[in-house]
N, C-alpha and C. Protein backbone atom coordinates (compact mmCIF):
# COMPACT_ATOMS: atom_id res chain seq x y z
N UNK A 1 8.27 0.15 25.01
CA UNK A 1 8.32 0.54 23.71
C UNK A 1 7.47 1.45 22.91
N UNK A 2 7.25 2.10 21.96
CA UNK A 2 6.20 2.83 21.45
C UNK A 2 5.02 2.06 20.71
N UNK A 3 3.43 2.97 21.67
CA UNK A 3 2.18 2.37 21.03
C UNK A 3 2.06 2.60 19.07
N UNK A 4 1.35 1.83 18.38
CA UNK A 4 1.39 2.19 17.66
C UNK A 4 0.27 2.92 17.07
N UNK A 5 1.13 4.08 16.54
CA UNK A 5 -0.81 4.45 16.92
C UNK A 5 -1.73 4.77 15.63
N UNK A 6 -2.88 4.23 15.40
CA UNK A 6 -3.83 3.67 14.65
C UNK A 6 -4.55 4.40 13.25
N UNK A 7 -4.04 4.08 12.60
CA UNK A 7 -4.56 4.77 11.03
C UNK A 7 -6.24 4.72 11.31
N UNK A 8 -7.38 5.59 11.49
CA UNK A 8 -8.32 5.63 11.25
C UNK A 8 -9.03 6.21 9.77
N UNK A 9 -10.82 6.65 10.13
CA UNK A 9 -10.79 6.51 9.07
C UNK A 9 -11.03 7.94 9.24
N UNK A 10 -10.85 9.15 8.45
CA UNK A 10 -12.86 10.52 8.29
C UNK A 10 -13.17 10.71 7.76
N UNK A 11 -14.21 10.99 7.96
CA UNK A 11 -15.41 11.60 7.41
C UNK A 11 -15.09 11.82 5.97
N UNK A 12 -13.70 13.21 5.34
CA UNK A 12 -13.76 13.47 4.29
C UNK A 12 -13.09 12.47 3.40
N UNK A 13 -12.12 11.51 3.88
CA UNK A 13 -11.47 10.74 3.38
C UNK A 13 -10.98 8.53 4.08
N UNK A 14 -12.28 8.11 2.50
CA UNK A 14 -12.03 6.95 3.26
C UNK A 14 -10.77 6.41 3.28
N UNK A 15 -10.66 4.79 3.92
CA UNK A 15 -9.39 4.50 3.93
C UNK A 15 -9.01 4.07 3.24
N UNK A 16 -9.73 3.54 2.28
CA UNK A 16 -9.42 3.09 0.48
C UNK A 16 -8.83 4.65 -0.85
N UNK A 17 -8.85 5.37 -0.01
CA UNK A 17 -7.94 5.84 -0.51
C UNK A 17 -7.19 7.29 -0.70
N UNK A 18 -7.25 6.53 0.83
CA UNK A 18 -5.89 7.09 1.42
C UNK A 18 -4.77 6.10 1.19
N UNK A 19 -5.55 4.82 1.58
CA UNK A 19 -4.26 3.56 1.49
C UNK A 19 -3.12 3.98 -0.35
N UNK A 20 -4.78 3.71 -1.24
CA UNK A 20 -4.14 4.43 -2.38
C UNK A 20 -3.19 5.78 -3.03
N UNK A 21 -3.86 6.32 -2.78
CA UNK A 21 -2.61 7.95 -2.33
C UNK A 21 -1.50 7.63 -1.80
N UNK A 22 -1.18 7.00 -0.95
CA UNK A 22 -0.19 6.03 0.06
C UNK A 22 0.67 5.61 -0.79
N UNK A 23 -0.38 4.36 -1.71
CA UNK A 23 0.37 3.40 -2.12
C UNK A 23 1.61 4.27 -3.46
N UNK A 24 0.56 4.54 -4.21
CA UNK A 24 1.26 5.79 -5.22
C UNK A 24 2.41 6.71 -5.13
N UNK A 25 2.05 7.70 -3.66
CA UNK A 25 3.87 7.84 -3.60
C UNK A 25 4.73 7.34 -3.29
N UNK A 26 4.47 6.88 -2.26
CA UNK A 26 5.82 5.41 -1.70
C UNK A 26 6.43 4.66 -2.91
N UNK A 27 5.44 3.84 -4.06
CA UNK A 27 5.74 3.01 -4.92
C UNK A 27 6.77 4.02 -5.62
N UNK A 28 6.02 5.43 -5.83
CA UNK A 28 6.78 6.33 -6.79
C UNK A 28 8.23 6.50 -6.68
N UNK A 29 8.43 6.49 -5.24
CA UNK A 29 9.10 7.18 -4.65
C UNK A 29 10.20 6.30 -4.43
N UNK A 30 10.05 4.96 -4.07
CA UNK A 30 11.19 3.86 -3.53
C UNK A 30 10.31 2.23 -4.25
N UNK A 31 9.93 2.70 -5.36
CA UNK A 31 9.58 1.28 -5.83
C UNK A 31 8.73 0.36 -4.90
N UNK A 32 7.61 -0.34 -6.03
CA UNK A 32 7.16 -1.07 -5.68
C UNK A 32 7.40 -2.30 -4.46
N UNK A 33 8.50 -3.70 -4.70
CA UNK A 33 8.18 -4.02 -3.15
C UNK A 33 9.22 -3.16 -1.62
N UNK A 34 9.65 -2.31 -1.76
CA UNK A 34 9.53 -1.10 -0.76
C UNK A 34 8.88 -0.80 -0.42
N UNK A 35 7.80 -0.28 -1.14
CA UNK A 35 6.55 0.27 -1.43
C UNK A 35 5.41 -0.41 -0.29
N UNK A 36 5.46 -2.08 -0.56
CA UNK A 36 4.34 -2.99 -0.76
C UNK A 36 5.09 -2.92 1.55
N UNK A 37 6.62 -3.09 1.67
CA UNK A 37 7.01 -3.05 3.25
C UNK A 37 6.56 -1.65 4.19
N UNK A 38 6.89 -0.63 3.53
CA UNK A 38 6.75 0.34 4.35
C UNK A 38 4.98 1.18 4.27
N UNK A 39 4.64 0.14 3.52
CA UNK A 39 3.12 0.59 3.25
C UNK A 39 1.62 -0.83 5.11
N UNK A 40 3.44 -2.04 4.91
CA UNK A 40 2.41 -2.80 5.53
C UNK A 40 2.79 -2.68 6.92
N UNK A 41 4.15 -1.89 7.50
CA UNK A 41 4.30 -1.27 9.14
C UNK A 41 3.40 -0.14 8.84
N UNK A 42 2.81 1.24 7.78
CA UNK A 42 2.22 1.84 8.60
C UNK A 42 0.80 1.61 8.86
N UNK A 43 0.53 0.51 8.52
CA UNK A 43 -1.11 0.23 8.34
C UNK A 43 -1.19 -1.13 9.06
N UNK A 44 -0.03 -1.53 9.84
CA UNK A 44 -0.03 -2.56 11.20
C UNK A 44 -0.67 -3.83 10.69
N UNK A 45 -0.47 -4.90 9.56
CA UNK A 45 -0.69 -5.69 8.21
C UNK A 45 0.22 -6.32 7.94
N UNK A 46 0.29 -7.57 7.68
CA UNK A 46 1.23 -8.48 7.24
C UNK A 46 1.20 -7.61 5.33
N UNK A 47 2.78 -7.59 5.11
CA UNK A 47 2.84 -7.55 3.57
C UNK A 47 2.01 -7.59 2.70
N UNK A 48 1.75 -9.37 2.80
CA UNK A 48 1.26 -10.79 1.99
C UNK A 48 -0.27 -9.55 0.84
N UNK A 49 -0.87 -8.93 2.74
CA UNK A 49 -2.39 -7.99 2.80
C UNK A 49 -2.09 -7.09 1.05
N UNK A 50 -0.95 -5.80 1.52
CA UNK A 50 -0.76 -4.75 0.78
C UNK A 50 0.12 -5.60 -0.54
N UNK A 51 0.34 -6.23 -0.47
CA UNK A 51 0.42 -7.37 -2.42
C UNK A 51 -0.30 -7.31 -2.53
N UNK A 52 -1.02 -8.49 -2.14
CA UNK A 52 -2.49 -8.10 -2.95
C UNK A 52 -3.41 -6.94 -2.97
N UNK A 53 -3.30 -6.32 -1.90
CA UNK A 53 -4.44 -5.35 -2.91
C UNK A 53 -3.95 -4.69 -3.60
N UNK A 54 -2.68 -4.13 -3.46
CA UNK A 54 -1.58 -4.03 -5.44
C UNK A 54 -1.97 -4.65 -6.41
N UNK A 55 -1.22 -5.64 -6.43
CA UNK A 55 -2.12 -6.83 -7.26
C UNK A 55 -3.09 -6.68 -7.93
N UNK A 56 -4.32 -6.28 -7.58
CA UNK A 56 -5.97 -5.54 -8.00
C UNK A 56 -5.70 -4.48 -8.40
N UNK A 57 -5.60 -3.57 -7.43
CA UNK A 57 -5.41 -2.05 -7.81
C UNK A 57 -4.40 -1.61 -8.88
N UNK A 58 -3.84 -1.87 -8.95
CA UNK A 58 -2.14 -1.82 -9.54
C UNK A 58 -1.57 -2.47 -10.57
N UNK A 59 -2.32 -3.28 -11.24
CA UNK A 59 -1.10 -5.32 -11.55
C UNK A 59 -0.68 -5.11 -12.59
N UNK A 60 1.13 -5.77 -11.99
CA UNK A 60 2.33 -5.26 -12.55
C UNK A 60 2.07 -6.05 -13.75
N UNK A 61 2.85 -4.80 -14.79
CA UNK A 61 2.72 -5.05 -16.58
C UNK A 61 2.95 -6.27 -16.73
N UNK A 62 3.19 -7.72 -17.42
CA UNK A 62 2.68 -8.66 -17.60
C UNK A 62 3.35 -8.52 -19.45
N UNK A 63 4.75 -9.85 -18.94
CA UNK A 63 5.36 -9.42 -20.39
C UNK A 63 4.88 -10.61 -21.62
N UNK A 64 4.68 -10.69 -22.87
CA UNK A 64 4.04 -10.45 -24.00
C UNK A 64 4.49 -11.20 -24.77
N UNK A 65 4.40 -12.76 -24.91
CA UNK A 65 5.00 -13.63 -25.52
C UNK A 65 5.65 -12.89 -26.81
N UNK A 66 6.39 -13.57 -27.09
CA UNK A 66 6.64 -13.06 -29.13
C UNK A 66 6.40 -14.15 -29.87
């Protein structure tokens, strides 16, 4: 079994910036739900963690009642 590579912060690019950039990239390519699952695998965390982060930083549009 392959050992997962941990994503480490670099001095020039903070983790939050990397996650934000990756979020927009994956969301544009394959949609919100698929991006959540891909990023949760890449960042080795539960999908709800990424879903909560996305809810804060990129809220879904709300439907306006007529």
